[in-house]
C-alpha atoms as a PDB file:
ATOM      1  CA  MET A   1       7.750  85.610 280.196  1.00  0.00           C
ATOM      2  CA  THR A   2       9.811  85.822 277.030  1.00  0.00           C
ATOM      3  CA  ASP A   3       8.400  86.005 273.557  1.00  0.00           C
ATOM      4  CA  GLU A   4       9.608  82.473 272.861  1.00  0.00           C
ATOM      5  CA  GLU A   5       7.963  81.107 276.007  1.00  0.00           C
ATOM      6  CA  LEU A   6       4.763  82.948 275.161  1.00  0.00           C
ATOM      7  CA  LYS A   7       4.859  81.553 271.636  1.00  0.00           C
ATOM      8  CA  GLN A   8       5.361  78.010 272.989  1.00  0.00           C
ATOM      9  CA  LEU A   9       2.495  78.487 275.441  1.00  0.00           C
ATOM     10  CA  VAL A  10       0.197  79.712 272.675  1.00  0.00           C
ATOM     11  CA  GLU A  11       1.196  76.769 270.469  1.00  0.00           C
ATOM     12  CA  SER A  12       0.661  74.346 273.345  1.00  0.00           C
ATOM     13  CA  ASN A  13      -2.752  75.845 274.053  1.00  0.00           C
ATOM     14  CA  ALA A  14      -3.627  75.650 270.352  1.00  0.00           C
ATOM     15  CA  ARG A  15      -2.611  71.976 270.228  1.00  0.00           C
ATOM     16  CA  THR A  16      -4.641  71.280 273.382  1.00  0.00           C
ATOM     17  CA  ALA A  17      -7.665  73.110 271.959  1.00  0.00           C
ATOM     18  CA  GLN A  18      -7.343  71.205 268.669  1.00  0.00           C
ATOM     19  CA  ALA A  19      -7.055  67.902 270.534  1.00  0.00           C
ATOM     20  CA  MET A  20     -10.198  68.789 272.505  1.00  0.00           C
ATOM     21  CA  LEU A  21     -12.039  69.678 269.277  1.00  0.00           C
ATOM     22  CA  ASP A  22     -10.899  66.414 267.688  1.00  0.00           C
ATOM     23  CA  SER A  23     -12.018  64.494 270.743  1.00  0.00           C
ATOM     24  CA  MET A  24     -15.415  66.220 270.705  1.00  0.00           C
ATOM     25  CA  ALA A  25     -15.849  65.478 266.993  1.00  0.00           C
ATOM     26  CA  GLU A  26     -14.944  61.827 267.579  1.00  0.00           C
ATOM     27  CA  ALA A  27     -17.398  61.611 270.486  1.00  0.00           C
ATOM     28  CA  ARG A  28     -20.095  63.173 268.291  1.00  0.00           C
ATOM     29  CA  LEU A  29     -19.467  60.554 265.594  1.00  0.00           C
ATOM     30  CA  GLU A  30     -19.608  57.760 268.170  1.00  0.00           C
ATOM     31  CA  ARG A  31     -22.928  59.092 269.512  1.00  0.00           C
ATOM     32  CA  GLU A  32     -24.320  59.247 265.980  1.00  0.00           C
ATOM     33  CA  GLU A  33     -23.217  55.656 265.320  1.00  0.00           C
ATOM     34  CA  LEU A  34     -24.817  54.622 268.597  1.00  0.00           C
ATOM     35  CA  ARG A  35     -28.070  56.370 267.634  1.00  0.00           C
ATOM     36  CA  GLU A  36     -28.054  54.634 264.247  1.00  0.00           C
ATOM     37  CA  GLY A  37     -27.416  51.304 265.949  1.00  0.00           C
ATOM     38  CA  MET A  38     -30.296  51.896 268.349  1.00  0.00           C
ATOM     39  CA  VAL A  39     -32.590  52.709 265.421  1.00  0.00           C
ATOM     40  CA  ARG A  40     -31.573  49.452 263.722  1.00  0.00           C
ATOM     41  CA  VAL A  41     -32.203  47.531 266.942  1.00  0.00           C
ATOM     42  CA  GLN A  42     -35.635  49.140 267.303  1.00  0.00           C
ATOM     43  CA  GLU A  43     -36.467  48.308 263.672  1.00  0.00           C
ATOM     44  CA  GLY A  44     -35.344  44.727 264.236  1.00  0.00           C
ATOM     45  CA  MET A  45     -37.470  44.473 267.372  1.00  0.00           C
ATOM     46  CA  LEU A  46     -40.468  45.802 265.438  1.00  0.00           C
ATOM     47  CA  ARG A  47     -39.917  43.193 262.723  1.00  0.00           C
ATOM     48  CA  LEU A  48     -39.681  40.483 265.386  1.00  0.00           C
ATOM     49  CA  ASP A  49     -42.883  41.738 267.007  1.00  0.00           C
ATOM     50  CA  ASN A  50     -44.641  41.664 263.629  1.00  0.00           C
ATOM     51  CA  ALA A  51     -43.344  38.165 262.944  1.00  0.00           C
ATOM     52  CA  MET A  52     -44.581  37.008 266.344  1.00  0.00           C
ATOM     53  CA  VAL A  53     -48.027  38.464 265.637  1.00  0.00           C
ATOM     54  CA  ARG A  54     -48.161  36.708 262.267  1.00  0.00           C
ATOM     55  CA  LEU A  55     -46.978  33.442 263.823  1.00  0.00           C
ATOM     56  CA  THR A  56     -49.649  33.726 266.505  1.00  0.00           C
ATOM     57  CA  GLU A  57     -52.282  34.345 263.828  1.00  0.00           C
ATOM     58  CA  VAL A  58     -51.091  31.295 261.885  1.00  0.00           C
ATOM     59  CA  GLN A  59     -51.168  29.169 265.026  1.00  0.00           C
ATOM     60  CA  GLU A  60     -54.683  30.375 265.837  1.00  0.00           C
ATOM     61  CA  GLY A  61     -55.771  29.596 262.278  1.00  0.00           C
ATOM     62  CA  MET A  62     -54.304  26.108 262.498  1.00  0.00           C
ATOM     63  CA  ALA A  63     -56.007  25.515 265.840  1.00  0.00           C
ATOM     64  CA  LYS A  64     -59.340  26.628 264.368  1.00  0.00           C
ATOM     65  CA  MET A  65     -58.811  24.408 261.337  1.00  0.00           C
ATOM     66  CA  LEU A  66     -57.999  21.406 263.530  1.00  0.00           C
ATOM     67  CA  ALA A  67     -61.008  22.130 265.728  1.00  0.00           C
ATOM     68  CA  SER A  68     -63.153  22.341 262.612  1.00  0.00           C
ATOM     69  CA  LEU A  69     -61.808  19.000 261.411  1.00  0.00           C
ATOM     70  CA  ASP A  70     -62.581  17.483 264.807  1.00  0.00           C
ATOM     71  CA  GLU A  71     -66.105  18.882 264.636  1.00  0.00           C
ATOM     72  CA  ASP A  72     -66.594  17.527 261.101  1.00  0.00           C
ATOM     73  CA  ARG A  73     -65.170  14.120 261.926  1.00  0.00           C
ATOM     74  CA  PRO A  74     -68.291  12.787 263.699  1.00  0.00           C
ATOM     75  CA  THR A  75     -70.383  13.906 260.735  1.00  0.00           C
ATOM     76  CA  VAL A  76     -68.046  12.149 258.325  1.00  0.00           C
ATOM     77  CA  PHE A  77     -68.064   9.026 260.495  1.00  0.00           C
ATOM     78  CA  LYS A  78     -71.871   9.109 260.651  1.00  0.00           C
ATOM     79  CA  LYS A  79     -72.055   9.386 256.878  1.00  0.00           C
ATOM     80  CA  LEU A  80     -69.575   6.553 256.416  1.00  0.00           C
ATOM     81  CA  ASN A  81     -71.505   4.389 258.887  1.00  0.00           C
ATOM     82  CA  SER A  82     -74.730   5.192 257.089  1.00  0.00           C
ATOM     83  CA  ILE A  83     -73.204   4.188 253.748  1.00  0.00           C
ATOM     84  CA  GLU A  84     -71.798   1.024 255.291  1.00  0.00           C
ATOM     85  CA  ASP A  85     -75.200   0.164 256.751  1.00  0.00           C
ATOM     86  CA  LYS A  86     -76.876   0.677 253.383  1.00  0.00           C
ATOM     87  CA  ILE A  87     -74.289  -1.513 251.680  1.00  0.00           C
ATOM     88  CA  ASP A  88     -74.788  -4.199 254.334  1.00  0.00           C
ATOM     89  CA  ARG A  89     -78.565  -4.088 253.823  1.00  0.00           C
ATOM     90  CA  LEU A  90     -78.173  -4.267 250.057  1.00  0.00           C
ATOM     91  CA  LEU A  91     -75.805  -7.241 250.389  1.00  0.00           C
ATOM     92  CA  GLN A  92     -78.238  -8.969 252.748  1.00  0.00           C
ATOM     93  CA  GLN A  93     -81.106  -8.370 250.336  1.00  0.00           C
ATOM     94  CA  GLN A  94     -79.024  -9.744 247.499  1.00  0.00           C
ATOM     95  CA  ASP A  95     -78.177 -12.843 249.553  1.00  0.00           C
ATOM     96  CA  ARG A  96     -81.875 -13.436 250.244  1.00  0.00           C
ATOM     97  CA  GLU A  97     -82.754 -13.297 246.607  1.00  0.00           C
END
């Protein structure tokens, strides 16, 4: 092998090695971007989970409030009926007088 051929081989090997190093560096950057993307996805999923928990709590609170209103309704109706009865009696007494 001549000196020129040896020099060309060394240069070719150096270019190949540099291309491999560049490729490895690019792959490393892509993996890092992928890791960062996965972290963002996980953070987003955590926020969604938290939002779902809060929404569930709000729904449970609304259901309790509505149940409470339903429980109070008969009491309110009883009071209104009682007032109506008293007014009717007062009106009847007034008519008799």
